[in-house]
PDB file of N, CA and C in Angstrom:
ATOM      1  N   ALA A   1      45.382 -22.800 -14.120  1.00  0.00           N
ATOM      2  CA  ALA A   1      44.931 -23.934 -13.344  1.00  0.00           C
ATOM      3  C   ALA A   1      43.435 -24.049 -13.439  1.00  0.00           C
ATOM      4  N   PRO A   2      42.896 -25.297 -13.568  1.00  0.00           N
ATOM      5  CA  PRO A   2      41.462 -25.485 -13.627  1.00  0.00           C
ATOM      6  C   PRO A   2      40.852 -25.163 -12.253  1.00  0.00           C
ATOM      7  N   SER A   3      39.607 -24.675 -12.297  1.00  0.00           N
ATOM      8  CA  SER A   3      38.967 -24.474 -11.010  1.00  0.00           C
ATOM      9  C   SER A   3      37.607 -25.100 -11.074  1.00  0.00           C
ATOM     10  N   SER A   4      37.125 -25.486  -9.939  1.00  0.00           N
ATOM     11  CA  SER A   4      35.676 -26.008  -9.860  1.00  0.00           C
ATOM     12  C   SER A   4      34.977 -25.146  -8.937  1.00  0.00           C
ATOM     13  N   GLU A   5      33.775 -24.846  -9.279  1.00  0.00           N
ATOM     14  CA  GLU A   5      32.932 -23.845  -8.525  1.00  0.00           C
ATOM     15  C   GLU A   5      31.779 -24.686  -7.894  1.00  0.00           C
ATOM     16  N   SER A   6      31.622 -24.610  -6.635  1.00  0.00           N
ATOM     17  CA  SER A   6      30.579 -25.339  -5.989  1.00  0.00           C
ATOM     18  C   SER A   6      29.639 -24.287  -5.407  1.00  0.00           C
ATOM     19  N   SER A   7      28.391 -24.545  -5.609  1.00  0.00           N
ATOM     20  CA  SER A   7      27.326 -23.599  -5.098  1.00  0.00           C
ATOM     21  C   SER A   7      26.332 -24.365  -4.178  1.00  0.00           C
ATOM     22  N   THR A   8      25.971 -23.485  -3.225  1.00  0.00           N
ATOM     23  CA  THR A   8      24.934 -24.007  -2.307  1.00  0.00           C
ATOM     24  C   THR A   8      23.725 -23.135  -2.336  1.00  0.00           C
ATOM     25  N   CYS A   9      22.609 -23.614  -1.770  1.00  0.00           N
ATOM     26  CA  CYS A   9      21.386 -22.709  -1.610  1.00  0.00           C
ATOM     27  C   CYS A   9      20.906 -22.049  -2.961  1.00  0.00           C
ATOM     28  N   CYS A  10      20.684 -22.904  -4.011  1.00  0.00           N
ATOM     29  CA  CYS A  10      20.259 -22.441  -5.300  1.00  0.00           C
ATOM     30  C   CYS A  10      21.181 -21.476  -5.931  1.00  0.00           C
ATOM     31  N   GLY A  11      22.401 -21.492  -5.747  1.00  0.00           N
ATOM     32  CA  GLY A  11      23.344 -20.667  -6.339  1.00  0.00           C
ATOM     33  C   GLY A  11      23.482 -19.228  -5.730  1.00  0.00           C
ATOM     34  N   LEU A  12      22.852 -19.073  -4.603  1.00  0.00           N
ATOM     35  CA  LEU A  12      22.793 -17.614  -4.073  1.00  0.00           C
ATOM     36  C   LEU A  12      24.217 -17.291  -3.465  1.00  0.00           C
ATOM     37  N   PHE A  13      24.783 -18.356  -2.724  1.00  0.00           N
ATOM     38  CA  PHE A  13      26.014 -18.056  -2.124  1.00  0.00           C
ATOM     39  C   PHE A  13      27.008 -19.106  -2.729  1.00  0.00           C
ATOM     40  N   ARG A  14      28.023 -18.433  -3.265  1.00  0.00           N
ATOM     41  CA  ARG A  14      29.042 -19.245  -4.015  1.00  0.00           C
ATOM     42  C   ARG A  14      30.377 -19.221  -3.303  1.00  0.00           C
ATOM     43  N   LYS A  15      30.925 -20.477  -3.207  1.00  0.00           N
ATOM     44  CA  LYS A  15      32.342 -20.580  -2.656  1.00  0.00           C
ATOM     45  C   LYS A  15      33.211 -21.043  -3.722  1.00  0.00           C
ATOM     46  N   LYS A  16      34.153 -20.363  -4.145  1.00  0.00           N
ATOM     47  CA  LYS A  16      35.061 -20.696  -5.205  1.00  0.00           C
ATOM     48  C   LYS A  16      36.346 -21.417  -4.570  1.00  0.00           C
ATOM     49  N   THR A  17      36.573 -22.593  -5.084  1.00  0.00           N
ATOM     50  CA  THR A  17      37.779 -23.360  -4.676  1.00  0.00           C
ATOM     51  C   THR A  17      38.541 -23.569  -5.920  1.00  0.00           C
ATOM     52  N   THR A  18      39.861 -23.620  -5.674  1.00  0.00           N
ATOM     53  CA  THR A  18      40.741 -23.877  -6.878  1.00  0.00           C
ATOM     54  C   THR A  18      41.391 -25.258  -6.634  1.00  0.00           C
ATOM     55  N   VAL A  19      41.312 -26.123  -7.675  1.00  0.00           N
ATOM     56  CA  VAL A  19      41.953 -27.482  -7.594  1.00  0.00           C
ATOM     57  C   VAL A  19      43.183 -27.392  -8.501  1.00  0.00           C
ATOM     58  N   LEU A  20      44.351 -27.599  -7.838  1.00  0.00           N
ATOM     59  CA  LEU A  20      45.601 -27.486  -8.535  1.00  0.00           C
ATOM     60  C   LEU A  20      45.974 -28.947  -9.007  1.00  0.00           C
ATOM     61  N   PRO A  21      46.176 -29.211 -10.370  1.00  0.00           N
ATOM     62  CA  PRO A  21      46.554 -30.541 -10.784  1.00  0.00           C
ATOM     63  C   PRO A  21      48.004 -30.852 -10.436  1.00  0.00           C
ATOM     64  N   ASP A  22      48.215 -32.126 -10.190  1.00  0.00           N
ATOM     65  CA  ASP A  22      49.568 -32.527  -9.914  1.00  0.00           C
ATOM     66  C   ASP A  22      50.270 -32.607 -11.227  1.00  0.00           C
ATOM     67  N   GLU A  23      51.496 -32.129 -11.354  1.00  0.00           N
ATOM     68  CA  GLU A  23      52.237 -32.041 -12.594  1.00  0.00           C
ATOM     69  C   GLU A  23      52.333 -33.336 -13.406  1.00  0.00           C
ATOM     70  N   GLU A  24      52.597 -34.437 -12.776  1.00  0.00           N
ATOM     71  CA  GLU A  24      52.755 -35.633 -13.460  1.00  0.00           C
ATOM     72  C   GLU A  24      51.377 -36.411 -13.802  1.00  0.00           C
ATOM     73  N   SER A  25      50.471 -36.487 -12.878  1.00  0.00           N
ATOM     74  CA  SER A  25      49.301 -37.287 -13.179  1.00  0.00           C
ATOM     75  C   SER A  25      48.081 -36.516 -13.499  1.00  0.00           C
ATOM     76  N   GLY A  26      48.099 -35.163 -13.323  1.00  0.00           N
ATOM     77  CA  GLY A  26      46.844 -34.405 -13.606  1.00  0.00           C
ATOM     78  C   GLY A  26      45.897 -34.488 -12.443  1.00  0.00           C
ATOM     79  N   ARG A  27      46.121 -35.149 -11.381  1.00  0.00           N
ATOM     80  CA  ARG A  27      45.241 -35.367 -10.255  1.00  0.00           C
ATOM     81  C   ARG A  27      45.486 -34.104  -9.322  1.00  0.00           C
ATOM     82  N   PRO A  28      44.504 -33.782  -8.433  1.00  0.00           N
ATOM     83  CA  PRO A  28      44.699 -32.715  -7.465  1.00  0.00           C
ATOM     84  C   PRO A  28      45.829 -33.028  -6.569  1.00  0.00           C
ATOM     85  N   SER A  29      46.633 -32.043  -6.252  1.00  0.00           N
ATOM     86  CA  SER A  29      47.731 -32.263  -5.303  1.00  0.00           C
ATOM     87  C   SER A  29      47.231 -32.137  -3.953  1.00  0.00           C
ATOM     88  N   PRO A  30      47.981 -32.676  -2.876  1.00  0.00           N
ATOM     89  CA  PRO A  30      47.655 -32.631  -1.502  1.00  0.00           C
ATOM     90  C   PRO A  30      47.535 -31.161  -1.039  1.00  0.00           C
ATOM     91  N   ASP A  31      48.264 -30.288  -1.688  1.00  0.00           N
ATOM     92  CA  ASP A  31      48.164 -28.842  -1.284  1.00  0.00           C
ATOM     93  C   ASP A  31      46.757 -28.229  -1.567  1.00  0.00           C
ATOM     94  N   ALA A  32      46.038 -28.827  -2.449  1.00  0.00           N
ATOM     95  CA  ALA A  32      44.803 -28.284  -2.877  1.00  0.00           C
ATOM     96  C   ALA A  32      43.761 -28.438  -1.717  1.00  0.00           C
ATOM     97  N   GLU A  33      43.925 -29.499  -0.941  1.00  0.00           N
ATOM     98  CA  GLU A  33      43.071 -29.783   0.315  1.00  0.00           C
ATOM     99  C   GLU A  33      43.255 -28.618   1.250  1.00  0.00           C
ATOM    100  N   ASP A  34      44.522 -28.225   1.522  1.00  0.00           N
ATOM    101  CA  ASP A  34      44.805 -27.141   2.379  1.00  0.00           C
ATOM    102  C   ASP A  34      44.213 -25.790   1.935  1.00  0.00           C
ATOM    103  N   GLU A  35      44.294 -25.623   0.584  1.00  0.00           N
ATOM    104  CA  GLU A  35      43.711 -24.424  -0.064  1.00  0.00           C
ATOM    105  C   GLU A  35      42.267 -24.352   0.063  1.00  0.00           C
ATOM    106  N   LYS A  36      41.581 -25.513   0.030  1.00  0.00           N
ATOM    107  CA  LYS A  36      40.080 -25.515   0.179  1.00  0.00           C
ATOM    108  C   LYS A  36      39.680 -25.107   1.629  1.00  0.00           C
ATOM    109  N   GLN A  37      40.448 -25.549   2.547  1.00  0.00           N
ATOM    110  CA  GLN A  37      40.161 -25.252   3.960  1.00  0.00           C
ATOM    111  C   GLN A  37      40.263 -23.724   4.242  1.00  0.00           C
ATOM    112  N   ASP A  38      41.243 -23.044   3.556  1.00  0.00           N
ATOM    113  CA  ASP A  38      41.419 -21.657   3.784  1.00  0.00           C
ATOM    114  C   ASP A  38      40.230 -20.752   3.366  1.00  0.00           C
ATOM    115  N   VAL A  39      39.582 -21.048   2.380  1.00  0.00           N
ATOM    116  CA  VAL A  39      38.539 -20.243   1.791  1.00  0.00           C
ATOM    117  C   VAL A  39      37.353 -20.323   2.735  1.00  0.00           C
ATOM    118  N   LYS A  40      36.766 -19.123   3.127  1.00  0.00           N
ATOM    119  CA  LYS A  40      35.693 -19.033   4.001  1.00  0.00           C
ATOM    120  C   LYS A  40      34.626 -18.101   3.429  1.00  0.00           C
ATOM    121  N   THR A  41      33.414 -18.439   3.601  1.00  0.00           N
ATOM    122  CA  THR A  41      32.310 -17.658   3.175  1.00  0.00           C
ATOM    123  C   THR A  41      31.970 -16.684   4.208  1.00  0.00           C
ATOM    124  N   PRO A  42      31.439 -15.514   3.865  1.00  0.00           N
ATOM    125  CA  PRO A  42      31.103 -14.455   4.791  1.00  0.00           C
ATOM    126  C   PRO A  42      29.873 -14.875   5.597  1.00  0.00           C
ATOM    127  N   GLY A  43      29.867 -14.639   6.981  1.00  0.00           N
ATOM    128  CA  GLY A  43      28.686 -14.995   7.736  1.00  0.00           C
ATOM    129  C   GLY A  43      27.806 -13.835   7.972  1.00  0.00           C
ATOM    130  N   MET A  44      26.656 -14.171   8.654  1.00  0.00           N
ATOM    131  CA  MET A  44      25.521 -13.219   8.821  1.00  0.00           C
ATOM    132  C   MET A  44      26.091 -12.032   9.750  1.00  0.00           C
ATOM    133  N   GLY A  45      26.963 -12.278  10.628  1.00  0.00           N
ATOM    134  CA  GLY A  45      27.605 -11.319  11.448  1.00  0.00           C
ATOM    135  C   GLY A  45      28.216 -10.236  10.609  1.00  0.00           C
ATOM    136  N   ARG A  46      28.996 -10.631   9.711  1.00  0.00           N
ATOM    137  CA  ARG A  46      29.685  -9.769   8.891  1.00  0.00           C
ATOM    138  C   ARG A  46      28.744  -8.876   7.970  1.00  0.00           C
ATOM    139  N   LEU A  47      27.765  -9.580   7.454  1.00  0.00           N
ATOM    140  CA  LEU A  47      26.718  -8.811   6.605  1.00  0.00           C
ATOM    141  C   LEU A  47      26.087  -7.757   7.524  1.00  0.00           C
ATOM    142  N   LEU A  48      25.702  -8.125   8.762  1.00  0.00           N
ATOM    143  CA  LEU A  48      25.063  -7.134   9.651  1.00  0.00           C
ATOM    144  C   LEU A  48      25.995  -6.067  10.070  1.00  0.00           C
ATOM    145  N   ALA A  49      27.238  -6.300  10.116  1.00  0.00           N
ATOM    146  CA  ALA A  49      28.296  -5.269  10.505  1.00  0.00           C
ATOM    147  C   ALA A  49      28.366  -4.313   9.392  1.00  0.00           C
ATOM    148  N   LEU A  50      28.187  -4.789   8.119  1.00  0.00           N
ATOM    149  CA  LEU A  50      28.232  -3.745   6.992  1.00  0.00           C
ATOM    150  C   LEU A  50      27.040  -2.833   7.041  1.00  0.00           C
ATOM    151  N   ASN A  51      25.922  -3.228   7.645  1.00  0.00           N
ATOM    152  CA  ASN A  51      24.834  -2.344   7.800  1.00  0.00           C
ATOM    153  C   ASN A  51      24.657  -1.781   9.237  1.00  0.00           C
ATOM    154  N   ALA A  52      25.662  -1.701   9.961  1.00  0.00           N
ATOM    155  CA  ALA A  52      25.604  -1.093  11.354  1.00  0.00           C
ATOM    156  C   ALA A  52      25.116   0.294  11.376  1.00  0.00           C
ATOM    157  N   LYS A  53      25.481   1.088  10.393  1.00  0.00           N
ATOM    158  CA  LYS A  53      24.980   2.612  10.401  1.00  0.00           C
ATOM    159  C   LYS A  53      23.519   2.637  10.279  1.00  0.00           C
ATOM    160  N   GLU A  54      22.938   1.678   9.489  1.00  0.00           N
ATOM    161  CA  GLU A  54      21.500   1.791   9.210  1.00  0.00           C
ATOM    162  C   GLU A  54      20.580   0.909  10.059  1.00  0.00           C
ATOM    163  N   TRP A  55      21.070   0.443  11.302  1.00  0.00           N
ATOM    164  CA  TRP A  55      20.254  -0.527  12.067  1.00  0.00           C
ATOM    165  C   TRP A  55      18.964   0.052  12.492  1.00  0.00           C
ATOM    166  N   TYR A  56      18.888   1.346  12.760  1.00  0.00           N
ATOM    167  CA  TYR A  56      17.574   1.882  13.157  1.00  0.00           C
ATOM    168  C   TYR A  56      16.567   1.953  11.980  1.00  0.00           C
ATOM    169  N   LEU A  57      17.052   2.088  10.791  1.00  0.00           N
ATOM    170  CA  LEU A  57      16.209   1.955   9.605  1.00  0.00           C
ATOM    171  C   LEU A  57      15.679   0.576   9.421  1.00  0.00           C
ATOM    172  N   LEU A  58      16.456  -0.485   9.788  1.00  0.00           N
ATOM    173  CA  LEU A  58      16.089  -1.776   9.536  1.00  0.00           C
ATOM    174  C   LEU A  58      15.054  -2.134  10.644  1.00  0.00           C
ATOM    175  N   VAL A  59      15.173  -1.720  11.870  1.00  0.00           N
ATOM    176  CA  VAL A  59      14.252  -2.012  12.980  1.00  0.00           C
ATOM    177  C   VAL A  59      12.928  -1.309  12.674  1.00  0.00           C
ATOM    178  N   PHE A  60      13.023   0.003  12.283  1.00  0.00           N
ATOM    179  CA  PHE A  60      11.813   0.774  11.948  1.00  0.00           C
ATOM    180  C   PHE A  60      11.026   0.204  10.767  1.00  0.00           C
ATOM    181  N   GLY A  61      11.708  -0.129   9.778  1.00  0.00           N
ATOM    182  CA  GLY A  61      11.030  -0.767   8.596  1.00  0.00           C
ATOM    183  C   GLY A  61      10.452  -2.113   8.831  1.00  0.00           C
ATOM    184  N   THR A  62      11.033  -2.908   9.795  1.00  0.00           N
ATOM    185  CA  THR A  62      10.511  -4.158  10.175  1.00  0.00           C
ATOM    186  C   THR A  62       9.227  -4.070  10.954  1.00  0.00           C
ATOM    187  N   ILE A  63       9.195  -3.004  11.858  1.00  0.00           N
ATOM    188  CA  ILE A  63       8.008  -2.650  12.665  1.00  0.00           C
ATOM    189  C   ILE A  63       6.897  -2.214  11.822  1.00  0.00           C
ATOM    190  N   ALA A  64       7.254  -1.282  10.804  1.00  0.00           N
ATOM    191  CA  ALA A  64       6.257  -0.703   9.946  1.00  0.00           C
ATOM    192  C   ALA A  64       5.653  -1.799   9.067  1.00  0.00           C
ATOM    193  N   SER A  65       6.516  -2.694   8.601  1.00  0.00           N
ATOM    194  CA  SER A  65       5.899  -3.788   7.739  1.00  0.00           C
ATOM    195  C   SER A  65       5.031  -4.727   8.529  1.00  0.00           C
ATOM    196  N   ALA A  66       5.370  -4.937   9.715  1.00  0.00           N
ATOM    197  CA  ALA A  66       4.472  -5.789  10.590  1.00  0.00           C
ATOM    198  C   ALA A  66       3.104  -5.073  10.775  1.00  0.00           C
ATOM    199  N   GLY A  67       3.200  -3.717  11.012  1.00  0.00           N
ATOM    200  CA  GLY A  67       1.964  -2.984  11.156  1.00  0.00           C
ATOM    201  C   GLY A  67       1.126  -3.000   9.908  1.00  0.00           C
ATOM    202  N   LEU A  68       1.802  -2.890   8.828  1.00  0.00           N
ATOM    203  CA  LEU A  68       1.026  -3.050   7.456  1.00  0.00           C
ATOM    204  C   LEU A  68       0.431  -4.354   7.265  1.00  0.00           C
ATOM    205  N   GLY A  69       1.132  -5.352   7.720  1.00  0.00           N
ATOM    206  CA  GLY A  69       0.712  -6.723   7.607  1.00  0.00           C
ATOM    207  C   GLY A  69      -0.510  -6.933   8.525  1.00  0.00           C
ATOM    208  N   LEU A  70      -0.693  -6.273   9.588  1.00  0.00           N
ATOM    209  CA  LEU A  70      -1.742  -6.441  10.492  1.00  0.00           C
ATOM    210  C   LEU A  70      -3.061  -5.796  10.050  1.00  0.00           C
ATOM    211  N   THR A  71      -3.036  -4.851   9.070  1.00  0.00           N
ATOM    212  CA  THR A  71      -4.137  -4.100   8.587  1.00  0.00           C
ATOM    213  C   THR A  71      -5.329  -5.106   7.965  1.00  0.00           C
ATOM    214  N   MET A  72      -4.947  -6.124   7.109  1.00  0.00           N
ATOM    215  CA  MET A  72      -5.907  -6.907   6.498  1.00  0.00           C
ATOM    216  C   MET A  72      -6.734  -7.747   7.523  1.00  0.00           C
ATOM    217  N   PRO A  73      -6.066  -8.357   8.535  1.00  0.00           N
ATOM    218  CA  PRO A  73      -6.853  -9.046   9.526  1.00  0.00           C
ATOM    219  C   PRO A  73      -7.656  -8.152  10.326  1.00  0.00           C
ATOM    220  N   ALA A  74      -7.213  -6.937  10.578  1.00  0.00           N
ATOM    221  CA  ALA A  74      -8.064  -5.986  11.352  1.00  0.00           C
ATOM    222  C   ALA A  74      -9.326  -5.548  10.471  1.00  0.00           C
ATOM    223  N   PHE A  75      -9.116  -5.355   9.145  1.00  0.00           N
ATOM    224  CA  PHE A  75     -10.222  -5.111   8.292  1.00  0.00           C
ATOM    225  C   PHE A  75     -11.249  -6.280   8.301  1.00  0.00           C
ATOM    226  N   ALA A  76     -10.723  -7.535   8.298  1.00  0.00           N
ATOM    227  CA  ALA A  76     -11.627  -8.707   8.315  1.00  0.00           C
ATOM    228  C   ALA A  76     -12.447  -8.815   9.674  1.00  0.00           C
ATOM    229  N   LEU A  77     -11.708  -8.435  10.654  1.00  0.00           N
ATOM    230  CA  LEU A  77     -12.583  -8.427  11.990  1.00  0.00           C
ATOM    231  C   LEU A  77     -13.526  -7.446  12.035  1.00  0.00           C
ATOM    232  N   ALA A  78     -13.236  -6.246  11.522  1.00  0.00           N
ATOM    233  CA  ALA A  78     -14.189  -5.116  11.554  1.00  0.00           C
ATOM    234  C   ALA A  78     -15.341  -5.376  10.645  1.00  0.00           C
ATOM    235  N   LEU A  79     -15.099  -6.029   9.488  1.00  0.00           N
ATOM    236  CA  LEU A  79     -16.186  -6.327   8.598  1.00  0.00           C
ATOM    237  C   LEU A  79     -17.078  -7.425   9.099  1.00  0.00           C
ATOM    238  N   SER A  80     -16.538  -8.410   9.854  1.00  0.00           N
ATOM    239  CA  SER A  80     -17.345  -9.407  10.430  1.00  0.00           C
ATOM    240  C   SER A  80     -18.256  -8.860  11.603  1.00  0.00           C
ATOM    241  N   SER A  81     -17.698  -7.820  12.228  1.00  0.00           N
ATOM    242  CA  SER A  81     -18.547  -7.195  13.298  1.00  0.00           C
ATOM    243  C   SER A  81     -19.721  -6.409  12.710  1.00  0.00           C
ATOM    244  N   ILE A  82     -19.435  -5.836  11.537  1.00  0.00           N
ATOM    245  CA  ILE A  82     -20.532  -5.110  10.769  1.00  0.00           C
ATOM    246  C   ILE A  82     -21.660  -6.118  10.347  1.00  0.00           C
ATOM    247  N   ILE A  83     -21.243  -7.232   9.830  1.00  0.00           N
ATOM    248  CA  ILE A  83     -22.214  -8.198   9.405  1.00  0.00           C
ATOM    249  C   ILE A  83     -23.023  -8.723  10.506  1.00  0.00           C
ATOM    250  N   SER A  84     -22.380  -8.898  11.722  1.00  0.00           N
ATOM    251  CA  SER A  84     -23.146  -9.407  12.895  1.00  0.00           C
ATOM    252  C   SER A  84     -24.113  -8.371  13.397  1.00  0.00           C
ATOM    253  N   VAL A  85     -23.862  -7.059  13.122  1.00  0.00           N
ATOM    254  CA  VAL A  85     -24.798  -6.050  13.588  1.00  0.00           C
ATOM    255  C   VAL A  85     -26.182  -6.111  13.014  1.00  0.00           C
ATOM    256  N   PHE A  86     -26.277  -6.676  11.776  1.00  0.00           N
ATOM    257  CA  PHE A  86     -27.481  -6.605  11.057  1.00  0.00           C
ATOM    258  C   PHE A  86     -28.395  -7.771  11.519  1.00  0.00           C
ATOM    259  N   PHE A  87     -27.954  -8.632  12.397  1.00  0.00           N
ATOM    260  CA  PHE A  87     -28.775  -9.560  13.016  1.00  0.00           C
ATOM    261  C   PHE A  87     -29.476  -9.138  14.264  1.00  0.00           C
ATOM    262  N   ASN A  88     -29.166  -7.971  14.635  1.00  0.00           N
ATOM    263  CA  ASN A  88     -29.778  -7.390  15.910  1.00  0.00           C
ATOM    264  C   ASN A  88     -31.036  -6.816  15.595  1.00  0.00           C
ATOM    265  N   PRO A  89     -32.128  -7.205  16.271  1.00  0.00           N
ATOM    266  CA  PRO A  89     -33.453  -6.641  15.883  1.00  0.00           C
ATOM    267  C   PRO A  89     -33.695  -5.223  16.376  1.00  0.00           C
ATOM    268  N   ASP A  90     -33.059  -4.679  17.311  1.00  0.00           N
ATOM    269  CA  ASP A  90     -33.245  -3.388  17.853  1.00  0.00           C
ATOM    270  C   ASP A  90     -32.584  -2.373  16.933  1.00  0.00           C
ATOM    271  N   PRO A  91     -33.372  -1.468  16.223  1.00  0.00           N
ATOM    272  CA  PRO A  91     -32.832  -0.485  15.310  1.00  0.00           C
ATOM    273  C   PRO A  91     -31.898   0.563  16.008  1.00  0.00           C
ATOM    274  N   VAL A  92     -32.222   0.959  17.135  1.00  0.00           N
ATOM    275  CA  VAL A  92     -31.424   1.986  17.780  1.00  0.00           C
ATOM    276  C   VAL A  92     -30.006   1.396  18.153  1.00  0.00           C
ATOM    277  N   GLU A  93     -29.973   0.188  18.685  1.00  0.00           N
ATOM    278  CA  GLU A  93     -28.658  -0.384  19.060  1.00  0.00           C
ATOM    279  C   GLU A  93     -27.874  -0.731  17.773  1.00  0.00           C
ATOM    280  N   GLN A  94     -28.789  -1.156  16.740  1.00  0.00           N
ATOM    281  CA  GLN A  94     -28.146  -1.484  15.426  1.00  0.00           C
ATOM    282  C   GLN A  94     -27.378  -0.252  14.862  1.00  0.00           C
ATOM    283  N   GLU A  95     -28.079   0.927  14.889  1.00  0.00           N
ATOM    284  CA  GLU A  95     -27.472   2.204  14.408  1.00  0.00           C
ATOM    285  C   GLU A  95     -26.167   2.563  15.191  1.00  0.00           C
ATOM    286  N   LYS A  96     -26.267   2.316  16.582  1.00  0.00           N
ATOM    287  CA  LYS A  96     -25.095   2.695  17.332  1.00  0.00           C
ATOM    288  C   LYS A  96     -23.802   1.798  16.956  1.00  0.00           C
ATOM    289  N   LYS A  97     -24.138   0.546  16.793  1.00  0.00           N
ATOM    290  CA  LYS A  97     -23.041  -0.389  16.452  1.00  0.00           C
ATOM    291  C   LYS A  97     -22.517  -0.156  15.030  1.00  0.00           C
ATOM    292  N   VAL A  98     -23.363   0.240  14.092  1.00  0.00           N
ATOM    293  CA  VAL A  98     -22.960   0.522  12.763  1.00  0.00           C
ATOM    294  C   VAL A  98     -22.067   1.754  12.794  1.00  0.00           C
ATOM    295  N   ALA A  99     -22.496   2.754  13.557  1.00  0.00           N
ATOM    296  CA  ALA A  99     -21.652   3.962  13.642  1.00  0.00           C
ATOM    297  C   ALA A  99     -20.243   3.620  14.271  1.00  0.00           C
ATOM    298  N   THR A 100     -20.229   2.744  15.308  1.00  0.00           N
ATOM    299  CA  THR A 100     -18.946   2.433  15.927  1.00  0.00           C
ATOM    300  C   THR A 100     -18.101   1.606  15.029  1.00  0.00           C
ATOM    301  N   SER A 101     -18.693   0.699  14.212  1.00  0.00           N
ATOM    302  CA  SER A 101     -17.952  -0.080  13.280  1.00  0.00           C
ATOM    303  C   SER A 101     -17.389   0.681  12.176  1.00  0.00           C
ATOM    304  N   ALA A 102     -18.214   1.694  11.643  1.00  0.00           N
ATOM    305  CA  ALA A 102     -17.772   2.593  10.594  1.00  0.00           C
ATOM    306  C   ALA A 102     -16.585   3.448  11.123  1.00  0.00           C
ATOM    307  N   PHE A 103     -16.606   3.892  12.334  1.00  0.00           N
ATOM    308  CA  PHE A 103     -15.512   4.569  12.909  1.00  0.00           C
ATOM    309  C   PHE A 103     -14.272   3.729  13.040  1.00  0.00           C
ATOM    310  N   LEU A 104     -14.411   2.439  13.394  1.00  0.00           N
ATOM    311  CA  LEU A 104     -13.360   1.593  13.529  1.00  0.00           C
ATOM    312  C   LEU A 104     -12.657   1.336  12.041  1.00  0.00           C
ATOM    313  N   GLN A 105     -13.550   1.201  11.029  1.00  0.00           N
ATOM    314  CA  GLN A 105     -13.011   0.940   9.702  1.00  0.00           C
ATOM    315  C   GLN A 105     -12.300   2.278   9.210  1.00  0.00           C
ATOM    316  N   ALA A 106     -12.737   3.441   9.551  1.00  0.00           N
ATOM    317  CA  ALA A 106     -12.088   4.689   9.272  1.00  0.00           C
ATOM    318  C   ALA A 106     -10.779   4.732   9.896  1.00  0.00           C
ATOM    319  N   GLN A 107     -10.653   4.338  11.126  1.00  0.00           N
ATOM    320  CA  GLN A 107      -9.389   4.329  11.859  1.00  0.00           C
ATOM    321  C   GLN A 107      -8.401   3.372  11.381  1.00  0.00           C
ATOM    322  N   ILE A 108      -8.813   2.170  10.955  1.00  0.00           N
ATOM    323  CA  ILE A 108      -7.917   1.156  10.352  1.00  0.00           C
ATOM    324  C   ILE A 108      -7.381   1.679   9.059  1.00  0.00           C
ATOM    325  N   CYS A 109      -8.316   2.430   8.259  1.00  0.00           N
ATOM    326  CA  CYS A 109      -7.886   2.870   6.930  1.00  0.00           C
ATOM    327  C   CYS A 109      -6.882   3.953   7.072  1.00  0.00           C
ATOM    328  N   CYS A 110      -7.051   4.877   8.008  1.00  0.00           N
ATOM    329  CA  CYS A 110      -6.130   6.043   8.224  1.00  0.00           C
ATOM    330  C   CYS A 110      -4.746   5.419   8.531  1.00  0.00           C
ATOM    331  N   SER A 111      -4.806   4.502   9.593  1.00  0.00           N
ATOM    332  CA  SER A 111      -3.492   3.911  10.138  1.00  0.00           C
ATOM    333  C   SER A 111      -2.812   3.140   8.933  1.00  0.00           C
ATOM    334  N   SER A 112      -3.641   2.432   8.137  1.00  0.00           N
ATOM    335  CA  SER A 112      -3.009   1.646   7.077  1.00  0.00           C
ATOM    336  C   SER A 112      -2.410   2.568   6.044  1.00  0.00           C
ATOM    337  N   CYS A 113      -3.049   3.704   5.729  1.00  0.00           N
ATOM    338  CA  CYS A 113      -2.419   4.654   4.798  1.00  0.00           C
ATOM    339  C   CYS A 113      -1.163   5.309   5.375  1.00  0.00           C
ATOM    340  N   ALA A 114      -1.154   5.623   6.669  1.00  0.00           N
ATOM    341  CA  ALA A 114       0.056   6.208   7.359  1.00  0.00           C
ATOM    342  C   ALA A 114       1.098   5.220   7.342  1.00  0.00           C
ATOM    343  N   VAL A 115       0.916   3.992   7.670  1.00  0.00           N
ATOM    344  CA  VAL A 115       2.045   2.982   7.707  1.00  0.00           C
ATOM    345  C   VAL A 115       2.523   2.694   6.317  1.00  0.00           C
ATOM    346  N   LEU A 116       1.666   2.736   5.307  1.00  0.00           N
ATOM    347  CA  LEU A 116       2.067   2.512   3.934  1.00  0.00           C
ATOM    348  C   LEU A 116       2.938   3.601   3.419  1.00  0.00           C
ATOM    349  N   ILE A 117       2.656   4.795   3.833  1.00  0.00           N
ATOM    350  CA  ILE A 117       3.551   6.022   3.387  1.00  0.00           C
ATOM    351  C   ILE A 117       4.810   5.880   4.129  1.00  0.00           C
ATOM    352  N   VAL A 118       4.847   5.522   5.346  1.00  0.00           N
ATOM    353  CA  VAL A 118       6.153   5.303   6.154  1.00  0.00           C
ATOM    354  C   VAL A 118       6.978   4.226   5.577  1.00  0.00           C
ATOM    355  N   THR A 119       6.315   3.105   5.254  1.00  0.00           N
ATOM    356  CA  THR A 119       7.053   1.908   4.730  1.00  0.00           C
ATOM    357  C   THR A 119       7.654   2.220   3.339  1.00  0.00           C
ATOM    358  N   ASN A 120       6.958   3.056   2.523  1.00  0.00           N
ATOM    359  CA  ASN A 120       7.505   3.336   1.166  1.00  0.00           C
ATOM    360  C   ASN A 120       8.481   4.478   0.957  1.00  0.00           C
ATOM    361  N   THR A 121       8.659   5.132   2.128  1.00  0.00           N
ATOM    362  CA  THR A 121       9.596   6.393   2.114  1.00  0.00           C
ATOM    363  C   THR A 121      11.066   5.960   2.492  1.00  0.00           C
TER     364      THR A 121
END
C-alpha cells in the first residue's frame, strides 16, 4: 500500500500515515481517514517521563548553565568599574578601588572555572 509521509517543524517530528487505495478507483478509502486519526505523536509529557530518573541532573545542569551564562556580564560590569577607577584623582582611593576590582575579577574567574568544570562533567 502506498504511504504518504507528512513532516512538521523542519522534519524533526514525523508522523507517518498510511493511505489505503480503493480497490476499484485507486482513491483513498473512507477507512484511511479513521486510520489517520488513530496515529498520535508523542507529547512532551511522555518525553519527560522517559527522563524521570535523571530529573535532578537536568535541573542541576540548567542551573549550572545559567551560572556560566552570567559570568560574561559579570566580567563586563567588573571591567567597567575598573575603567571608572582611573578617573578618580585621589591615588590612595584609586589604589583601594583597583585592589577591590582585581579581587572581584579573581572571584568571577574562579567561580566561572568551577561552574565550567561542573557543567562539562
